[in-house]
Amino acid sequence: MNIERILTTLSEQFPDAHCELNHRNPFELAVAVVLSAQATDVSVNKVTPNLFSRYPTPQAMAEASLNEIEECIRTIGLYHNKAKSIQAMAQKITKDFNGVMPQTMEELLTLPGVGRKSANVILSVCFNVPAIAVDTHVERISKRLGLAAPADDVYTVEKKLMKKIPKNQWSHAHHLFIFFGRYFCKAKKPCCAECQLIDLCKEKNKNINNLSPIHAK
């Protein structure tokens, strides 16, 4: 099956695929995930050490000055809105969950700033719940490799991947797809000439300049 080949190939290419957002607990990961929207993990990891040092718990962040939170994350895009989101999330966790990060999809989706993708990341990374978080990389790779249709929305992509990938591999596959999309099969300049899965690619003709003479035929 193509999915077995894809997972085997990506596992060999990225044996250390993992969550690259630095965190020490579920709350820190939740905050980092919210901050990572339309921002790189690298940029988020630069600001979170100071942020978490000043506000190590949901309670501390809930009671903080919004302006001070903004100062900590000022270098991140959309920092005004993100500061509001992470503080509102901290307040919700403190008020409704006794300061403890919830562990179900339904409860996580009640937190400000947390959508289905973010909830899946938290469930998978922190609570070992099998999940596939469809971010921009996972969506792109899924469509390029024919695991989803070009017009599919992210939830449809998630459901198709859940059907095609064995459940015990969901979380690992999520990280493999992210690493492949982030470091190899990039949006604008994919490394098609070196790709071992080029024959499966639905966009290889769009990226003809990145193909070797053999692959281009």
Protein backbone atom coordinates (compact mmCIF):
# COMPACT_ATOMS: atom_id res chain seq x y z
CA MET A 1 0.00 0.00 0.00
CA ASN A 2 1.11 3.56 -0.68
CA ILE A 3 0.60 4.62 2.93
CA GLU A 4 2.96 1.91 4.18
CA ARG A 5 5.58 3.01 1.67
CA ILE A 6 5.09 6.67 2.56
CA LEU A 7 5.44 6.11 6.30
CA THR A 8 8.45 3.84 5.87
CA THR A 9 10.18 6.31 3.57
CA LEU A 10 9.52 9.28 5.85
CA SER A 11 10.57 7.33 8.94
CA GLU A 12 13.91 6.57 7.31
CA GLN A 13 14.32 10.18 6.17
CA PHE A 14 13.30 11.73 9.51
CA PRO A 15 13.90 9.17 12.29
CA ASP A 16 13.76 11.89 14.96
CA ALA A 17 10.55 13.63 13.87
CA HIS A 18 8.97 15.22 16.94
CA CYS A 19 7.16 18.29 18.26
CA GLU A 20 9.58 21.21 17.95
CA LEU A 21 7.71 23.60 20.24
CA ASN A 22 9.64 23.69 23.51
CA HIS A 23 7.48 23.01 26.56
CA ARG A 24 7.57 21.33 29.97
CA ASN A 25 3.88 20.59 30.51
CA PRO A 26 0.50 20.63 28.72
CA PHE A 27 -0.24 24.25 29.59
CA GLU A 28 3.04 25.44 28.10
CA LEU A 29 2.44 23.44 24.94
CA ALA A 30 -1.07 24.86 24.61
CA VAL A 31 0.29 28.40 24.88
CA ALA A 32 3.08 27.65 22.39
CA VAL A 33 0.62 26.15 19.91
CA VAL A 34 -1.58 29.25 20.05
CA LEU A 35 1.48 31.47 19.53
CA SER A 36 2.63 29.36 16.58
CA ALA A 37 -0.32 30.31 14.37
CA GLN A 38 1.13 32.06 11.31
CA ALA A 39 4.54 32.01 13.01
CA THR A 40 7.47 29.61 13.00
CA ASP A 41 8.28 27.25 15.85
CA VAL A 42 11.72 28.85 15.99
CA SER A 43 10.26 32.31 16.61
CA VAL A 44 7.91 30.93 19.28
CA ASN A 45 10.73 29.11 21.05
CA LYS A 46 12.63 32.39 21.32
CA VAL A 47 9.92 34.10 23.39
CA THR A 48 8.44 31.29 25.48
CA PRO A 49 11.34 30.84 27.96
CA ASN A 50 10.84 34.35 29.32
CA LEU A 51 7.05 34.09 29.07
CA PHE A 52 6.92 30.81 31.01
CA SER A 53 9.45 32.03 33.53
CA ARG A 54 7.21 34.96 34.37
CA TYR A 55 3.92 33.06 34.14
CA PRO A 56 4.59 29.38 34.90
CA THR A 57 0.97 28.43 35.65
CA PRO A 58 -2.47 29.19 34.23
CA GLN A 59 -3.26 31.11 37.41
CA ALA A 60 -0.21 33.35 37.04
CA MET A 61 -1.00 34.15 33.41
CA ALA A 62 -4.68 34.65 34.17
CA GLU A 63 -3.85 37.36 36.71
CA ALA A 64 -1.07 39.02 34.69
CA SER A 65 -1.18 42.41 33.04
CA LEU A 66 -2.13 42.04 29.39
CA ASN A 67 0.46 44.65 28.47
CA GLU A 68 3.19 42.64 30.18
CA ILE A 69 2.17 39.50 28.33
CA GLU A 70 2.31 41.46 25.08
CA GLU A 71 5.81 42.64 25.90
CA CYS A 72 6.96 39.04 26.28
CA ILE A 73 5.66 38.01 22.84
CA ARG A 74 6.03 41.28 20.92
CA THR A 75 8.28 39.71 18.26
CA ILE A 76 5.58 37.19 17.33
CA GLY A 77 3.13 38.09 14.58
CA LEU A 78 -0.36 39.10 15.71
CA TYR A 79 0.92 39.42 19.25
CA HIS A 80 -1.96 41.66 20.40
CA ASN A 81 -4.60 39.06 19.61
CA LYS A 82 -2.42 36.17 20.74
CA ALA A 83 -1.79 37.80 24.11
CA LYS A 84 -5.54 38.11 24.62
CA SER A 85 -6.07 34.50 23.55
CA ILE A 86 -3.48 32.94 25.83
CA GLN A 87 -4.62 34.97 28.81
CA ALA A 88 -8.27 34.11 28.15
CA MET A 89 -7.23 30.47 27.82
CA ALA A 90 -5.39 30.65 31.14
CA GLN A 91 -8.44 32.23 32.78
CA LYS A 92 -10.72 29.51 31.40
CA ILE A 93 -8.40 26.74 32.64
CA THR A 94 -8.19 28.39 36.05
CA LYS A 95 -11.92 29.02 36.43
CA ASP A 96 -13.49 25.96 34.80
CA PHE A 97 -10.80 23.27 35.14
CA ASN A 98 -9.22 24.11 38.49
CA GLY A 99 -5.97 25.13 36.82
CA VAL A 100 -5.49 21.73 35.18
CA MET A 101 -5.29 21.33 31.38
CA PRO A 102 -8.32 19.35 30.13
CA GLN A 103 -7.63 16.07 28.38
CA THR A 104 -10.53 15.60 25.96
CA MET A 105 -11.18 17.08 22.54
CA GLU A 106 -14.55 18.44 23.65
CA GLU A 107 -13.10 20.27 26.65
CA LEU A 108 -10.01 21.53 24.83
CA LEU A 109 -12.19 23.09 22.14
CA THR A 110 -13.81 25.28 24.80
CA LEU A 111 -10.49 27.04 25.42
CA PRO A 112 -9.98 30.40 23.67
CA GLY A 113 -7.51 30.14 20.79
CA VAL A 114 -7.67 26.33 20.64
CA GLY A 115 -9.11 24.78 17.49
CA ARG A 116 -9.20 21.17 16.40
CA LYS A 117 -5.62 21.19 15.10
CA SER A 118 -4.26 22.63 18.34
CA ALA A 119 -6.33 20.22 20.43
CA ASN A 120 -4.98 17.27 18.47
CA VAL A 121 -1.41 18.43 19.07
CA ILE A 122 -2.02 18.70 22.82
CA LEU A 123 -3.79 15.34 23.02
CA SER A 124 -1.10 13.58 21.04
CA VAL A 125 2.05 15.11 22.50
CA CYS A 126 1.02 15.53 26.14
CA PHE A 127 -1.53 12.79 26.75
CA ASN A 128 -0.49 10.08 24.27
CA VAL A 129 -3.91 10.08 22.63
CA PRO A 130 -3.70 8.93 18.99
CA ALA A 131 -4.38 12.02 16.89
CA ILE A 132 -3.53 13.64 13.57
CA ALA A 133 -3.20 17.42 13.66
CA VAL A 134 -3.63 18.86 10.17
CA ASP A 135 -1.55 22.00 9.87
CA THR A 136 -0.42 23.62 6.64
CA HIS A 137 2.39 21.08 6.16
CA VAL A 138 0.24 18.01 6.80
CA GLU A 139 -2.46 19.34 4.49
CA ARG A 140 0.01 20.08 1.69
CA ILE A 141 1.79 16.72 1.92
CA SER A 142 -1.49 14.80 2.09
CA LYS A 143 -2.74 16.44 -1.09
CA ARG A 144 0.56 16.17 -2.96
CA LEU A 145 0.84 12.47 -2.21
CA GLY A 146 -2.75 11.75 -3.16
CA LEU A 147 -3.99 10.94 0.32
CA ALA A 148 -6.54 13.74 0.07
CA ALA A 149 -8.17 15.70 -2.73
CA PRO A 150 -7.04 19.24 -3.64
CA ALA A 151 -10.38 20.75 -2.59
CA ASP A 152 -10.60 18.96 0.77
CA ASP A 153 -10.83 21.15 3.87
CA VAL A 154 -8.58 20.38 6.83
CA TYR A 155 -11.20 18.32 8.68
CA THR A 156 -11.81 16.18 5.59
CA VAL A 157 -8.05 15.69 5.26
CA GLU A 158 -7.90 14.62 8.91
CA LYS A 159 -10.71 12.09 8.48
CA LYS A 160 -9.14 10.61 5.34
CA LEU A 161 -5.76 10.25 7.03
CA MET A 162 -7.40 8.59 10.04
CA LYS A 163 -8.93 6.00 7.71
CA LYS A 164 -5.74 5.32 5.76
CA ILE A 165 -3.16 5.36 8.56
CA PRO A 166 -3.23 2.71 11.32
CA LYS A 167 -4.44 4.31 14.55
CA ASN A 168 -1.28 3.38 16.46
CA GLN A 169 0.72 5.42 13.94
CA TRP A 170 -1.43 8.56 13.81
CA SER A 171 0.68 10.68 16.14
CA HIS A 172 4.00 9.64 14.63
CA ALA A 173 2.69 10.12 11.09
CA HIS A 174 1.65 13.66 12.03
CA HIS A 175 5.23 14.53 12.97
CA LEU A 176 6.66 12.77 9.91
CA PHE A 177 4.44 14.78 7.58
CA ILE A 178 5.37 18.02 9.33
CA PHE A 179 9.11 17.35 9.08
CA PHE A 180 8.77 16.30 5.44
CA GLY A 181 6.80 19.44 4.62
CA ARG A 182 8.93 21.79 6.69
CA TYR A 183 12.38 20.60 5.62
CA PHE A 184 11.99 18.80 2.28
CA CYS A 185 8.67 19.03 0.44
CA LYS A 186 8.37 22.77 0.96
CA ALA A 187 5.50 24.85 -0.36
CA LYS A 188 7.49 26.91 -2.88
CA LYS A 189 10.71 25.00 -3.45
CA PRO A 190 10.22 21.29 -2.83
CA CYS A 191 13.25 19.05 -3.27
CA CYS A 192 11.68 17.03 -6.05
CA ALA A 193 14.93 15.81 -7.62
CA GLU A 194 15.88 13.95 -4.43
CA CYS A 195 12.37 12.79 -3.49
CA GLN A 196 11.80 9.05 -3.20
CA LEU A 197 8.05 9.54 -3.44
CA ILE A 198 8.00 11.69 -6.58
CA ASP A 199 6.07 9.06 -8.53
CA LEU A 200 3.17 9.50 -6.11
CA CYS A 201 3.19 13.29 -6.28
CA LYS A 202 0.13 14.96 -7.81
CA GLU A 203 1.98 18.25 -8.29
CA LYS A 204 5.23 17.06 -9.87
CA ASN A 205 4.31 18.69 -13.18
CA LYS A 206 3.88 22.03 -11.40
CA ASN A 207 7.37 21.71 -9.97
CA ILE A 208 9.04 20.57 -13.18
CA ASN A 209 12.06 22.84 -12.58
CA ASN A 210 12.84 20.94 -9.40
CA LEU A 211 12.93 17.55 -11.12
CA SER A 212 15.94 15.71 -12.46
CA PRO A 213 15.88 14.86 -16.21
CA ILE A 214 14.90 11.26 -15.36
CA HIS A 215 12.03 12.24 -13.05
CA ALA A 216 10.81 14.93 -15.45
CA LYS A 217 10.10 12.46 -18.26
